[in-house]
Amino acid sequence: MDDRDTNHNGEKNSAFDLLEIAAQLAALAEDIKTLAAMPIEQISTLIEPGDRPEASSE
């Protein structure tokens, strides 16, 4: 078996897995481009309340 066809756990990598990762990265890049085109005020409304950092009282 060719070592390039296995990962560090010995599991076989497939072209499908790599294509799936590439598709996810492409979708992420599109999301980032969309966010980059938005004003900051609009982006802050997309963040869920629990995801916002707490303001420090220092």
N, C-alpha and C. Protein backbone atom coordinates (compact mmCIF):
# COMPACT_ATOMS: atom_id res chain seq x y z
N MET A 1 0.85 -1.18 0.00
CA MET A 1 0.00 0.00 0.00
C MET A 1 0.89 1.24 0.00
N ASP A 2 0.55 2.22 -0.77
CA ASP A 2 1.29 3.46 -0.86
C ASP A 2 1.02 4.32 0.38
N ASP A 3 2.07 4.81 1.04
CA ASP A 3 1.92 5.61 2.26
C ASP A 3 1.14 6.90 2.01
N ARG A 4 1.17 7.40 0.78
CA ARG A 4 0.45 8.63 0.48
C ARG A 4 -1.06 8.42 0.50
N ASP A 5 -1.52 7.20 0.48
CA ASP A 5 -2.96 6.90 0.48
C ASP A 5 -3.52 6.68 1.88
N THR A 6 -2.71 6.87 2.91
CA THR A 6 -3.19 6.67 4.27
C THR A 6 -2.89 7.90 5.10
N ASN A 7 -3.72 8.13 6.13
CA ASN A 7 -3.44 9.23 7.05
C ASN A 7 -2.67 8.70 8.24
N HIS A 8 -2.43 9.54 9.26
CA HIS A 8 -1.62 9.12 10.40
C HIS A 8 -2.27 8.01 11.22
N ASN A 9 -3.56 7.79 11.07
CA ASN A 9 -4.24 6.70 11.79
C ASN A 9 -4.30 5.43 10.97
N GLY A 10 -3.74 5.47 9.77
CA GLY A 10 -3.77 4.30 8.91
C GLY A 10 -5.05 4.15 8.11
N GLU A 11 -5.96 5.12 8.23
CA GLU A 11 -7.20 5.05 7.46
C GLU A 11 -6.95 5.53 6.04
N LYS A 12 -7.62 4.93 5.11
CA LYS A 12 -7.43 5.28 3.70
C LYS A 12 -8.13 6.59 3.38
N ASN A 13 -7.39 7.53 2.79
CA ASN A 13 -7.97 8.78 2.31
C ASN A 13 -8.57 8.53 0.94
N SER A 14 -9.70 9.14 0.68
CA SER A 14 -10.30 8.96 -0.64
C SER A 14 -10.41 10.30 -1.32
N ALA A 15 -10.51 10.25 -2.61
CA ALA A 15 -10.68 11.47 -3.40
C ALA A 15 -11.98 12.15 -3.00
N PHE A 16 -13.00 11.37 -2.64
CA PHE A 16 -14.27 11.96 -2.24
C PHE A 16 -14.09 12.82 -1.00
N ASP A 17 -13.33 12.35 -0.02
CA ASP A 17 -13.08 13.13 1.19
C ASP A 17 -12.40 14.45 0.85
N LEU A 18 -11.43 14.40 -0.03
CA LEU A 18 -10.72 15.62 -0.41
C LEU A 18 -11.63 16.57 -1.17
N LEU A 19 -12.49 16.03 -2.02
CA LEU A 19 -13.44 16.88 -2.74
C LEU A 19 -14.45 17.50 -1.79
N GLU A 20 -14.86 16.75 -0.77
CA GLU A 20 -15.79 17.27 0.23
C GLU A 20 -15.15 18.43 1.00
N ILE A 21 -13.90 18.27 1.38
CA ILE A 21 -13.20 19.33 2.08
C ILE A 21 -13.05 20.55 1.19
N ALA A 22 -12.71 20.34 -0.07
CA ALA A 22 -12.57 21.45 -1.01
C ALA A 22 -13.89 22.19 -1.18
N ALA A 23 -14.99 21.46 -1.24
CA ALA A 23 -16.30 22.09 -1.38
C ALA A 23 -16.64 22.91 -0.14
N GLN A 24 -16.31 22.38 1.03
CA GLN A 24 -16.57 23.13 2.27
C GLN A 24 -15.72 24.39 2.34
N LEU A 25 -14.46 24.30 1.91
CA LEU A 25 -13.60 25.48 1.91
C LEU A 25 -14.10 26.53 0.92
N ALA A 26 -14.60 26.08 -0.23
CA ALA A 26 -15.14 27.02 -1.22
C ALA A 26 -16.37 27.72 -0.67
N ALA A 27 -17.22 26.99 0.02
CA ALA A 27 -18.42 27.60 0.62
C ALA A 27 -18.02 28.59 1.71
N LEU A 28 -17.02 28.24 2.49
CA LEU A 28 -16.53 29.14 3.53
C LEU A 28 -15.96 30.42 2.91
N ALA A 29 -15.22 30.28 1.83
CA ALA A 29 -14.67 31.45 1.15
C ALA A 29 -15.78 32.36 0.65
N GLU A 30 -16.84 31.79 0.13
CA GLU A 30 -17.99 32.60 -0.32
C GLU A 30 -18.63 33.33 0.85
N ASP A 31 -18.77 32.64 1.99
CA ASP A 31 -19.34 33.28 3.18
C ASP A 31 -18.46 34.44 3.64
N ILE A 32 -17.16 34.25 3.61
CA ILE A 32 -16.24 35.30 4.03
C ILE A 32 -16.33 36.49 3.08
N LYS A 33 -16.42 36.23 1.78
CA LYS A 33 -16.56 37.34 0.82
C LYS A 33 -17.84 38.11 1.07
N THR A 34 -18.92 37.39 1.37
CA THR A 34 -20.20 38.05 1.65
C THR A 34 -20.09 38.92 2.90
N LEU A 35 -19.49 38.37 3.95
CA LEU A 35 -19.33 39.13 5.19
C LEU A 35 -18.41 40.34 4.99
N ALA A 36 -17.36 40.18 4.20
CA ALA A 36 -16.42 41.28 3.96
C ALA A 36 -17.09 42.45 3.26
N ALA A 37 -18.14 42.18 2.50
CA ALA A 37 -18.83 43.23 1.77
C ALA A 37 -19.88 43.95 2.62
N MET A 38 -20.15 43.44 3.82
CA MET A 38 -21.18 44.03 4.68
C MET A 38 -20.58 45.08 5.61
N PRO A 39 -21.38 46.09 5.95
CA PRO A 39 -20.94 47.03 6.98
C PRO A 39 -20.88 46.34 8.34
N ILE A 40 -20.00 46.80 9.21
CA ILE A 40 -19.83 46.20 10.54
C ILE A 40 -21.14 46.14 11.30
N GLU A 41 -21.94 47.19 11.21
CA GLU A 41 -23.20 47.23 11.95
C GLU A 41 -24.12 46.08 11.54
N GLN A 42 -24.13 45.76 10.26
CA GLN A 42 -24.99 44.68 9.78
C GLN A 42 -24.47 43.32 10.25
N ILE A 43 -23.16 43.17 10.29
CA ILE A 43 -22.57 41.90 10.73
C ILE A 43 -22.89 41.67 12.21
N SER A 44 -22.82 42.72 13.02
CA SER A 44 -23.06 42.55 14.45
C SER A 44 -24.47 42.09 14.74
N THR A 45 -25.42 42.38 13.84
CA THR A 45 -26.79 41.90 14.06
C THR A 45 -26.92 40.42 13.72
N LEU A 46 -25.96 39.86 12.99
CA LEU A 46 -26.00 38.44 12.63
C LEU A 46 -25.47 37.55 13.75
N ILE A 47 -24.72 38.15 14.69
CA ILE A 47 -24.13 37.38 15.78
C ILE A 47 -25.18 37.12 16.84
N GLU A 48 -25.28 35.88 17.26
CA GLU A 48 -26.26 35.51 18.28
C GLU A 48 -25.84 36.11 19.62
N PRO A 49 -26.79 36.52 20.46
CA PRO A 49 -26.46 37.16 21.74
C PRO A 49 -25.48 36.36 22.59
N GLY A 50 -25.58 35.06 22.62
CA GLY A 50 -24.68 34.23 23.42
C GLY A 50 -23.28 34.15 22.86
N ASP A 51 -23.10 34.55 21.60
CA ASP A 51 -21.79 34.49 20.97
C ASP A 51 -20.99 35.77 21.13
N ARG A 52 -21.64 36.83 21.62
CA ARG A 52 -20.95 38.12 21.75
C ARG A 52 -20.07 38.11 23.00
N PRO A 53 -18.87 38.68 22.88
CA PRO A 53 -18.01 38.76 24.06
C PRO A 53 -18.57 39.72 25.08
N GLU A 54 -18.33 39.44 26.33
CA GLU A 54 -18.80 40.31 27.42
C GLU A 54 -17.95 41.58 27.43
N ALA A 55 -18.60 42.72 27.65
CA ALA A 55 -17.88 43.98 27.80
C ALA A 55 -17.18 43.98 29.15
N SER A 56 -15.92 44.40 29.17
CA SER A 56 -15.21 44.43 30.43
C SER A 56 -15.58 45.70 31.19
N SER A 57 -15.62 45.62 32.51
CA SER A 57 -15.98 46.76 33.34
C SER A 57 -14.76 47.42 33.96
N GLU A 58 -13.60 47.20 33.36
CA GLU A 58 -12.36 47.76 33.90
C GLU A 58 -12.22 49.20 33.54
